[in-house]
Protein backbone atom coordinates (compact mmCIF):
# COMPACT_ATOMS: atom_id res chain seq x y z
CA MET A 1 -2.02 -23.19 -12.42
CA LYS A 2 -4.54 -22.11 -9.32
CA SER A 3 -8.43 -22.15 -10.86
CA TRP A 4 -10.20 -19.02 -10.71
CA SER A 5 -12.11 -20.02 -7.72
CA GLY A 6 -9.30 -20.91 -5.71
CA ARG A 7 -7.73 -16.88 -6.66
CA SER A 8 -8.26 -14.28 -4.05
CA GLY A 9 -9.86 -10.89 -4.63
CA LEU A 10 -6.37 -9.49 -5.45
CA ALA A 11 -5.29 -12.04 -7.63
CA LYS A 12 -8.23 -11.92 -9.37
CA VAL A 13 -8.06 -8.45 -10.02
CA ASP A 14 -4.60 -8.78 -11.12
CA VAL A 15 -5.66 -11.39 -13.76
CA TYR A 16 -8.50 -9.39 -15.48
CA THR A 17 -6.41 -6.13 -15.35
CA ARG A 18 -3.62 -7.78 -17.42
CA VAL A 19 -5.85 -9.87 -19.30
CA THR A 20 -7.79 -6.61 -20.32
CA ALA A 21 -4.16 -5.32 -21.68
CA TYR A 22 -3.21 -7.90 -23.59
CA LEU A 23 -6.89 -8.24 -25.36
CA LEU A 24 -7.03 -4.38 -26.18
CA MET A 25 -3.39 -5.01 -27.74
CA TRP A 26 -4.25 -7.98 -29.78
CA GLY A 27 -7.58 -6.79 -31.00
CA ALA A 28 -5.42 -3.68 -32.68
CA VAL A 29 -3.31 -6.30 -34.65
CA PHE A 30 -6.38 -8.38 -34.95
CA ALA A 31 -8.07 -5.69 -36.52
CA LEU A 32 -5.18 -4.69 -38.93
CA ALA A 33 -4.74 -8.29 -39.98
CA LEU A 34 -8.49 -8.24 -41.29
CA LEU A 35 -8.02 -4.55 -43.00
CA LEU A 36 -4.46 -6.15 -44.48
CA LEU A 37 -6.91 -8.72 -46.28
CA THR A 38 -9.61 -6.06 -47.61
CA ARG A 39 -9.84 -5.75 -51.28
CA PRO A 40 -8.29 -2.56 -51.65
CA VAL A 41 -5.04 -3.44 -50.59
CA ARG A 42 -4.78 -7.18 -52.14
CA HIS A 43 -5.63 -5.70 -55.77
CA GLU A 44 -3.90 -2.37 -55.55
CA ALA A 45 -0.90 -2.81 -53.24
CA PRO A 46 2.57 -4.11 -54.51
CA LEU A 47 2.37 -7.98 -54.23
CA LEU A 48 5.84 -7.54 -51.96
CA LEU A 49 3.52 -5.22 -49.49
CA VAL A 50 0.81 -7.76 -49.52
CA VAL A 51 2.66 -10.42 -48.40
CA VAL A 52 5.53 -8.42 -45.69
CA ALA A 53 2.51 -6.31 -44.01
CA PRO A 54 1.11 -9.30 -42.24
CA LEU A 55 4.23 -11.00 -41.23
CA LEU A 56 5.13 -7.56 -39.89
CA ASN A 57 2.11 -6.90 -38.33
CA LEU A 58 2.33 -10.71 -36.43
CA ALA A 59 6.17 -10.00 -35.38
CA ASN A 60 4.59 -6.50 -33.98
CA GLY A 61 2.18 -8.05 -31.99
CA ILE A 62 4.69 -10.97 -30.88
CA LEU A 63 7.15 -8.34 -29.42
CA CYS A 64 4.63 -5.71 -28.07
CA HIS A 65 3.14 -8.75 -25.90
CA ARG A 66 6.56 -9.01 -24.38
CA PHE A 67 7.23 -5.92 -24.02
CA LEU A 68 3.87 -4.74 -22.49
CA ARG A 69 4.22 -7.97 -19.93
CA ARG A 70 7.69 -6.35 -18.99
CA ALA A 71 6.11 -2.92 -18.69
CA MET A 72 3.32 -3.79 -16.36
CA ASP A 73 5.54 -6.06 -14.18
CA VAL A 74 7.85 -2.45 -13.87
CA TYR A 75 4.80 -0.38 -13.46
CA LEU A 76 3.46 -2.54 -10.37
CA ARG A 77 7.07 -2.97 -8.92
CA PRO A 78 8.65 0.49 -8.78
CA GLY A 79 12.36 0.10 -8.74
CA THR A 80 12.71 -2.08 -11.56
CA ALA A 81 13.47 -1.00 -14.94
CA LEU A 82 13.30 -1.92 -18.73
CA GLY A 83 16.52 -2.54 -20.88
CA PRO A 84 16.97 -0.96 -24.30
CA ARG A 85 17.05 -4.69 -25.56
CA GLU A 86 13.70 -4.96 -24.35
CA VAL A 87 11.92 -1.49 -25.81
CA LEU A 88 14.01 -1.53 -29.28
CA PRO A 89 12.71 -4.58 -30.38
CA ALA A 90 9.00 -3.85 -29.87
CA ALA A 91 9.99 -0.08 -31.11
CA ALA A 92 11.46 -1.08 -34.35
CA ALA A 93 8.48 -3.74 -35.06
CA ALA A 94 5.58 -1.20 -34.75
CA THR A 95 7.91 1.76 -36.96
CA ALA A 96 8.13 -1.29 -39.83
CA THR A 97 4.59 -1.99 -39.63
CA THR A 98 3.30 1.82 -39.75
CA GLY A 99 6.25 2.28 -42.34
CA ALA A 100 4.17 -1.09 -44.78
CA VAL A 101 0.69 0.70 -44.08
CA LEU A 102 1.84 3.89 -45.67
CA ALA A 103 3.49 2.41 -48.16
CA GLU A 104 0.65 0.18 -49.06
CA ALA A 105 -1.44 3.79 -48.43
CA ALA A 106 0.45 5.59 -51.27
CA THR A 107 -0.12 2.74 -54.06
CA ALA A 108 -3.56 1.73 -53.26
CA ASP A 109 -7.24 4.12 -52.22
CA LEU A 110 -7.02 3.34 -48.25
CA THR A 111 -8.96 6.78 -47.85
CA GLY A 112 -11.29 5.63 -45.22
CA LEU A 113 -9.20 2.50 -43.84
CA LEU A 114 -6.02 4.33 -43.26
CA PRO A 115 -6.99 5.90 -39.66
CA GLY A 116 -7.70 1.97 -38.87
CA MET A 117 -4.48 0.63 -40.02
CA LEU A 118 -2.39 3.35 -38.66
CA GLY A 119 -3.82 2.83 -35.33
CA GLY A 120 -3.73 -0.77 -35.55
CA ALA A 121 0.03 -0.60 -36.22
CA LEU A 122 0.30 2.03 -33.39
CA VAL A 123 -1.53 1.01 -30.72
CA PRO A 124 0.07 -2.34 -29.53
CA PHE A 125 3.26 -0.29 -28.81
CA PHE A 126 1.81 2.77 -27.27
CA THR A 127 -0.18 0.02 -24.36
CA ALA A 128 2.97 -0.49 -22.96
CA HIS A 129 4.62 2.59 -23.34
CA CYS A 130 2.19 4.90 -21.31
CA LEU A 131 3.39 2.52 -18.32
CA LEU A 132 7.01 3.49 -18.55
CA PHE A 133 7.07 7.00 -18.35
CA PRO A 134 5.45 10.09 -16.46
CA VAL A 135 2.40 11.57 -17.35
CA ARG A 136 3.96 14.70 -19.20
CA THR A 137 6.40 12.47 -21.16
CA VAL A 138 3.56 10.52 -22.32
CA VAL A 139 1.82 13.25 -23.49
CA LEU A 140 4.76 14.76 -24.88
CA HIS A 141 5.42 11.73 -27.00
CA GLN A 142 1.87 11.37 -28.22
CA ALA A 143 2.09 15.04 -29.52
CA LEU A 144 5.34 14.04 -31.51
CA LEU A 145 3.36 11.05 -32.80
CA GLY A 146 0.82 13.18 -33.88
CA ALA A 147 3.82 15.81 -35.82
CA VAL A 148 5.21 12.50 -37.42
CA LEU A 149 1.67 11.63 -38.89
CA LEU A 150 1.00 15.30 -40.12
CA ALA A 151 4.44 14.92 -41.82
CA ALA A 152 4.33 11.32 -43.12
CA VAL A 153 0.40 11.07 -44.23
CA PRO A 154 0.56 13.72 -46.93
CA LEU A 155 3.34 11.70 -48.64
CA THR A 156 0.79 8.95 -49.48
CA GLY A 157 -1.33 11.88 -51.13
CA ARG A 158 -3.79 12.82 -49.08
CA ASP A 159 -4.63 16.47 -48.98
CA ALA A 160 -5.05 18.06 -45.60
CA GLY A 161 -8.47 17.52 -44.87
CA HIS A 162 -7.76 13.97 -44.71
CA THR A 163 -4.45 14.01 -43.08
CA LEU A 164 -5.87 15.83 -39.95
CA ALA A 165 -8.62 13.68 -39.64
CA THR A 166 -6.22 10.54 -39.91
CA VAL A 167 -3.61 12.08 -37.18
CA LEU A 168 -6.54 12.91 -35.15
CA THR A 169 -8.38 9.78 -35.48
CA VAL A 170 -4.86 7.93 -34.42
CA CYS A 171 -4.11 10.09 -31.79
CA LEU A 172 -7.43 9.83 -30.02
CA THR A 173 -7.44 6.19 -30.51
CA THR A 174 -3.64 5.66 -28.75
CA GLY A 175 -4.25 8.47 -25.86
CA TRP A 176 -7.68 6.98 -24.83
CA LEU A 177 -6.05 3.22 -24.40
CA ALA A 178 -2.80 4.89 -23.38
CA VAL A 179 -5.16 6.56 -20.31
CA THR A 180 -7.29 3.47 -19.97
CA ILE A 181 -4.47 1.23 -19.34
CA ARG A 182 -2.81 3.96 -16.82
CA LEU A 183 -5.86 4.10 -15.00
CA SER A 184 -6.55 0.20 -14.64
CA LEU A 185 -2.68 -0.42 -13.56
CA TRP A 186 -2.86 2.55 -11.29
CA VAL A 187 -5.59 0.83 -9.64
CA LEU A 188 -3.70 -2.35 -9.55
CA ARG A 189 -0.86 -1.04 -8.21
CA VAL A 190 -3.12 0.55 -5.31
CA LEU A 191 -4.33 -2.59 -4.17
CA PHE A 192 -1.08 -4.14 -3.89
CA GLU A 193 0.29 -1.16 -1.68
CA LEU A 194 -2.26 -1.29 0.02
CA ARG A 195 -2.22 -5.23 0.74
CA GLU A 196 1.31 -4.56 1.62
CA ALA A 197 0.65 -1.89 4.09
CA ARG A 198 -1.75 -4.53 5.90
CA ASP A 199 1.19 -7.20 6.06
CA VAL A 200 3.31 -4.56 7.64
CA GLN A 201 0.74 -3.50 10.07
CA ALA A 202 0.28 -6.92 10.93
CA ARG A 203 4.34 -7.68 11.37
CA LEU A 204 3.99 -4.17 13.63
CA ALA A 205 1.81 -5.45 15.61
CA VAL A 206 3.89 -8.95 16.10
CA ALA A 207 6.73 -6.86 16.85
CA GLU A 208 4.74 -4.44 19.59
CA GLU A 209 3.83 -7.24 21.40
CA ARG A 210 7.40 -9.18 21.38
CA LEU A 211 8.50 -5.65 22.61
CA ARG A 212 6.01 -5.74 25.53
CA PHE A 213 6.60 -9.51 26.21
CA GLY A 214 10.86 -8.75 26.50
CA ARG A 215 10.00 -5.69 28.64
CA ASP A 216 7.88 -7.36 31.07
CA LEU A 217 10.32 -9.77 31.39
CA HIS A 218 13.19 -7.17 31.59
CA ASP A 219 11.14 -5.58 34.32
CA ILE A 220 10.65 -8.89 36.14
CA LEU A 221 14.20 -10.32 35.74
CA GLY A 222 16.41 -7.34 35.93
CA ARG A 223 15.36 -5.84 39.77
CA ASN A 224 15.46 -9.84 40.83
CA LEU A 225 18.47 -10.87 39.44
CA SER A 226 20.52 -7.59 40.62
CA VAL A 227 19.57 -8.87 44.21
CA ILE A 228 20.90 -11.77 43.25
CA ALA A 229 24.07 -10.70 42.33
CA LEU A 230 24.51 -8.40 45.00
CA LYS A 231 23.65 -10.60 48.12
CA SER A 232 25.64 -13.38 46.32
CA GLU A 233 28.55 -11.27 46.00
CA LEU A 234 27.73 -10.60 50.46
CA ALA A 235 27.26 -13.70 50.87
CA VAL A 236 31.24 -14.81 49.41
CA GLN A 237 32.52 -12.25 51.33
CA LEU A 238 30.74 -13.34 54.48
CA ALA A 239 31.68 -17.06 53.48
CA ARG A 240 35.17 -16.28 53.22
CA ARG A 241 35.46 -14.47 56.64
CA GLU A 242 33.86 -17.67 57.88
CA ARG A 243 30.86 -16.07 58.92
CA PRO A 244 27.35 -17.93 59.73
CA GLU A 245 25.49 -14.78 58.16
CA ALA A 246 26.64 -16.00 54.61
CA VAL A 247 23.96 -19.18 54.94
CA ASP A 248 21.20 -16.52 55.59
CA GLN A 249 22.57 -14.74 52.29
CA MET A 250 22.14 -17.69 50.44
CA ILE A 251 18.56 -18.63 51.87
CA GLU A 252 17.83 -15.12 50.67
CA VAL A 253 19.22 -15.53 47.30
CA GLN A 254 17.54 -19.15 46.96
CA ARG A 255 13.96 -17.34 47.83
CA ILE A 256 14.76 -14.73 45.57
CA ALA A 257 15.66 -16.82 42.46
CA GLN A 258 12.21 -19.09 43.74
CA GLU A 259 10.17 -15.98 43.55
CA SER A 260 11.32 -14.70 40.15
CA GLN A 261 10.86 -18.19 38.65
CA ARG A 262 6.99 -18.17 39.47
CA GLU A 263 6.75 -14.56 38.29
CA VAL A 264 8.11 -15.73 34.74
CA ARG A 265 5.88 -18.61 34.77
CA ASP A 266 2.87 -16.34 35.53
CA VAL A 267 3.87 -13.92 32.30
CA VAL A 268 4.32 -16.55 30.20
CA ARG A 269 1.13 -18.41 31.41
CA GLY A 270 -0.67 -14.85 30.74
CA TYR A 271 0.72 -14.13 27.28
CA ARG A 272 -0.15 -17.86 26.21
CA GLU A 273 -3.74 -17.91 27.83
CA ALA A 274 -6.48 -16.80 25.89
CA ASP A 275 -9.66 -15.18 27.46
CA LEU A 276 -12.98 -16.03 25.23
CA ARG A 277 -14.39 -12.53 25.05
CA VAL A 278 -11.24 -10.64 24.86
CA GLU A 279 -10.53 -12.81 21.90
CA LEU A 280 -14.34 -12.41 20.14
CA GLU A 281 -13.49 -8.63 20.46
CA GLY A 282 -10.39 -8.96 19.07
CA ALA A 283 -11.17 -11.15 16.18
CA ARG A 284 -14.09 -8.45 15.50
CA GLY A 285 -11.65 -5.44 15.00
CA VAL A 286 -9.36 -7.44 13.17
CA LEU A 287 -11.61 -8.68 10.77
CA ASP A 288 -13.83 -6.07 10.50
CA ALA A 289 -10.24 -4.20 9.75
CA ALA A 290 -9.64 -6.15 7.11
CA GLY A 291 -12.96 -5.30 5.65
CA ILE A 292 -14.58 -8.95 6.33
CA ASP A 293 -18.11 -8.39 8.05
CA CYS A 294 -17.80 -10.02 11.49
CA ALA A 295 -21.22 -10.79 13.42
CA VAL A 296 -20.54 -12.05 17.15
CA ASP A 297 -23.17 -13.47 18.77
CA ILE A 298 -22.66 -14.87 23.02
CA PRO A 299 -24.92 -14.85 25.59
CA GLY A 300 -23.81 -14.05 28.86
CA LEU A 301 -22.30 -17.21 29.99
CA VAL A 302 -20.21 -17.49 32.81
CA LEU A 303 -17.71 -20.16 31.85
CA PRO A 304 -14.94 -22.19 34.02
CA ASP A 305 -11.48 -20.13 32.79
CA ALA A 306 -10.01 -23.69 31.56
CA VAL A 307 -12.98 -23.41 28.81
CA GLN A 308 -12.83 -20.04 28.01
CA ALA A 309 -9.27 -20.45 27.45
CA ALA A 310 -9.50 -23.04 25.27
CA LEU A 311 -12.44 -21.50 23.22
CA GLY A 312 -10.49 -18.41 22.82
CA TRP A 313 -7.53 -20.27 21.40
CA VAL A 314 -10.00 -21.42 18.95
CA VAL A 315 -11.71 -17.96 18.18
CA ARG A 316 -7.77 -16.63 17.44
CA GLU A 317 -6.56 -19.67 15.12
CA THR A 318 -10.04 -19.37 13.28
CA THR A 319 -9.67 -15.70 12.83
CA THR A 320 -6.08 -16.26 11.72
CA ASN A 321 -7.26 -18.85 9.12
CA VAL A 322 -9.99 -16.87 7.75
CA LEU A 323 -7.56 -14.25 7.02
CA ARG A 324 -4.47 -15.99 5.69
CA HIS A 325 -6.26 -18.72 3.75
CA GLY A 326 -9.68 -17.73 2.81
CA ASP A 327 -11.32 -14.52 0.81
CA ALA A 328 -14.14 -14.14 2.87
CA ARG A 329 -16.44 -11.36 3.16
CA HIS A 330 -18.66 -12.49 6.03
CA CYS A 331 -17.93 -14.44 9.01
CA ALA A 332 -20.38 -15.17 11.77
CA ILE A 333 -19.11 -16.54 15.83
CA ALA A 334 -21.38 -17.89 17.54
CA VAL A 335 -21.68 -19.35 21.31
CA ARG A 336 -24.53 -21.31 22.74
CA GLU A 337 -25.46 -23.69 25.28
CA GLU A 338 -26.26 -26.89 23.87
CA ALA A 339 -27.28 -30.47 25.95
CA GLY A 340 -25.24 -29.94 28.72
CA ALA A 341 -22.25 -28.14 26.50
CA VAL A 342 -21.09 -25.14 25.41
CA LEU A 343 -21.02 -24.79 21.43
CA LEU A 344 -18.59 -22.27 19.86
CA THR A 345 -18.82 -22.13 15.39
CA VAL A 346 -17.15 -20.05 13.48
CA GLU A 347 -18.50 -20.15 9.67
CA ASN A 348 -16.93 -17.75 6.88
CA ASP A 349 -17.76 -17.52 3.50
CA GLY A 350 -15.13 -16.82 0.16
CA VAL A 351 -13.65 -20.38 0.39
CA ALA A 352 -14.71 -21.77 -2.77
CA GLY A 353 -11.91 -24.40 -3.80
CA LYS A 354 -10.08 -23.93 -0.36
CA THR A 355 -10.87 -25.16 3.21
CA GLY A 356 -10.58 -21.58 4.76
CA ALA A 357 -8.33 -23.51 7.44
CA PRO A 358 -5.53 -26.01 7.34
CA ALA A 359 -6.23 -29.02 6.51
CA PRO A 360 -6.75 -31.68 9.86
CA GLY A 361 -3.19 -32.15 11.08
CA GLY A 362 -1.99 -29.16 9.18
CA ARG A 363 0.40 -26.36 10.75
CA ALA A 364 -0.12 -22.90 11.03
CA ARG A 365 2.42 -20.39 12.00
CA SER A 366 0.67 -18.41 14.55
CA GLY A 367 0.00 -18.47 17.89
CA PRO A 368 2.67 -19.55 20.68
CA GLY A 369 1.93 -22.81 22.67
CA ALA A 370 1.87 -26.08 22.34
CA GLY A 371 0.92 -27.11 18.63
CA SER A 372 -1.06 -24.79 16.32
CA GLY A 373 -3.75 -25.16 13.67
CA LEU A 374 -6.29 -27.60 13.75
CA ALA A 375 -4.30 -30.15 15.44
CA GLY A 376 -2.89 -27.86 18.14
CA LEU A 377 -6.66 -26.96 18.61
CA ARG A 378 -8.00 -30.27 19.20
CA GLU A 379 -5.21 -31.42 21.67
CA ARG A 380 -6.39 -27.80 23.68
CA LEU A 381 -9.92 -29.20 23.58
CA ALA A 382 -9.23 -32.47 24.70
CA ALA A 383 -7.56 -31.42 27.50
CA VAL A 384 -11.29 -29.84 29.17
CA GLY A 385 -13.20 -33.17 27.20
CA GLY A 386 -13.57 -31.01 24.01
CA THR A 387 -14.24 -31.99 20.27
CA LEU A 388 -13.32 -30.14 17.03
CA GLU A 389 -15.48 -30.29 13.84
CA ALA A 390 -14.20 -28.64 10.62
CA GLY A 391 -15.45 -28.47 6.75
CA PRO A 392 -17.70 -27.25 4.38
CA GLY A 393 -21.06 -25.14 6.07
CA GLU A 394 -24.31 -24.29 3.98
CA GLY A 395 -23.91 -22.37 1.26
CA GLY A 396 -20.73 -22.80 0.37
CA THR A 397 -19.09 -21.98 3.56
CA PHE A 398 -16.56 -23.23 6.07
CA ARG A 399 -17.58 -23.75 9.30
CA VAL A 400 -15.28 -24.86 12.20
CA THR A 401 -17.17 -25.96 15.56
CA ALA A 402 -15.98 -26.82 18.89
CA ARG A 403 -17.80 -28.82 21.38
CA VAL A 404 -16.90 -28.45 25.29
CA PRO A 405 -18.80 -30.44 28.08
CA VAL A 406 -19.75 -28.16 31.08
CA SER A 407 -21.63 -29.07 33.83
CA GLY A 408 -25.09 -27.33 34.41
CA ASP A 409 -23.85 -25.95 37.99
CA ARG A 410 -21.00 -24.39 36.18
CA THR A 411 -22.57 -22.65 32.97
CA ARG A 412 -24.53 -19.65 34.19
CA THR A 413 -25.48 -16.09 33.27
CA ARG A 414 -24.32 -13.17 34.16
CA ALA A 415 -27.66 -12.55 36.10
CA GLU A 416 -27.55 -15.46 37.61
CA VAL A 417 -23.86 -14.92 39.59
CA ALA A 418 -24.81 -11.29 39.84
CA PRO A 419 -24.66 -9.98 43.53
């Protein structure tokens, strides 16, 4: 089981909402248990009811706990449903407990205790009941409950005034709890839907990039392959006629094939290489869209293409890890020159009990190319003489630091290279 600090924000809201619902339900059970131990019940009610009523109350709590757990799962996952075997036992336990309370009220003076006792008997069931039906149906059932109580409470010897007060108290209690539970679970379901929408958006972005890559390959290879097919067919016809032009046609086929190979390599290289400034802007946009405050600090440095590509991959991979492995609210990305080297730091919070990134040597599923995760980044940086460090930072943050040596004459500001 994950510790509290190791859970994501959504997981914490989920646990908090469910625990609150359970506490409300068991609070009603505990309150009824205390009321069943009061002096009027123990001294005036029949011994059988004094013994049976607490047992029914306990059974009501256990069965309604299971009912509430399944009702919350059904509400949060539309399309599922509860069967009668899961609803009827809880309904029977609530009815039996309510009947025991009314029976005790008929034999003991429970004028001031009856509203609380009836509420304690009915709240556990109606806490879950409100999640299974539309709002109009829940209101109708609450009205039916009031009508049943208006008919049943007078049988205990209460006058019209006491009956009305008891029924109003019970209906207000169960209705207030129904509204509270319903609203809390509705907020949680909206959060789940937002998370699913963000996941769908990410998958659509990946699918769009694949389509773009496939379209580029189709545009390059489609025309060239058609020309190769035609010229090959022409060369075959010329060769059958023993015409010397067949050799010229095959040389042309060879040239087009080599050109196609070069163009494909250019497309793949452009797809796999990362530009530092493009990646920084992309990281800012992605993190802002995910509700993470992203601060980017980059001077006007002009870096070699290989260095920019390596640092761009660091930005891409660490941004993915901030989204996937952490629960960050703030992220800071900075690039600066330091002692003949370029230093890139990515620091984020929300990683208590986590690493915020894959463990050294771990793999991440994002990013094409040779290797991914920290091991892949170290390989990319090693190709340009760089190093990578990852570990806890100050104030419970996680920091990734990439250092790439660059000679002074190759690290210049944009103002220095401007015409």
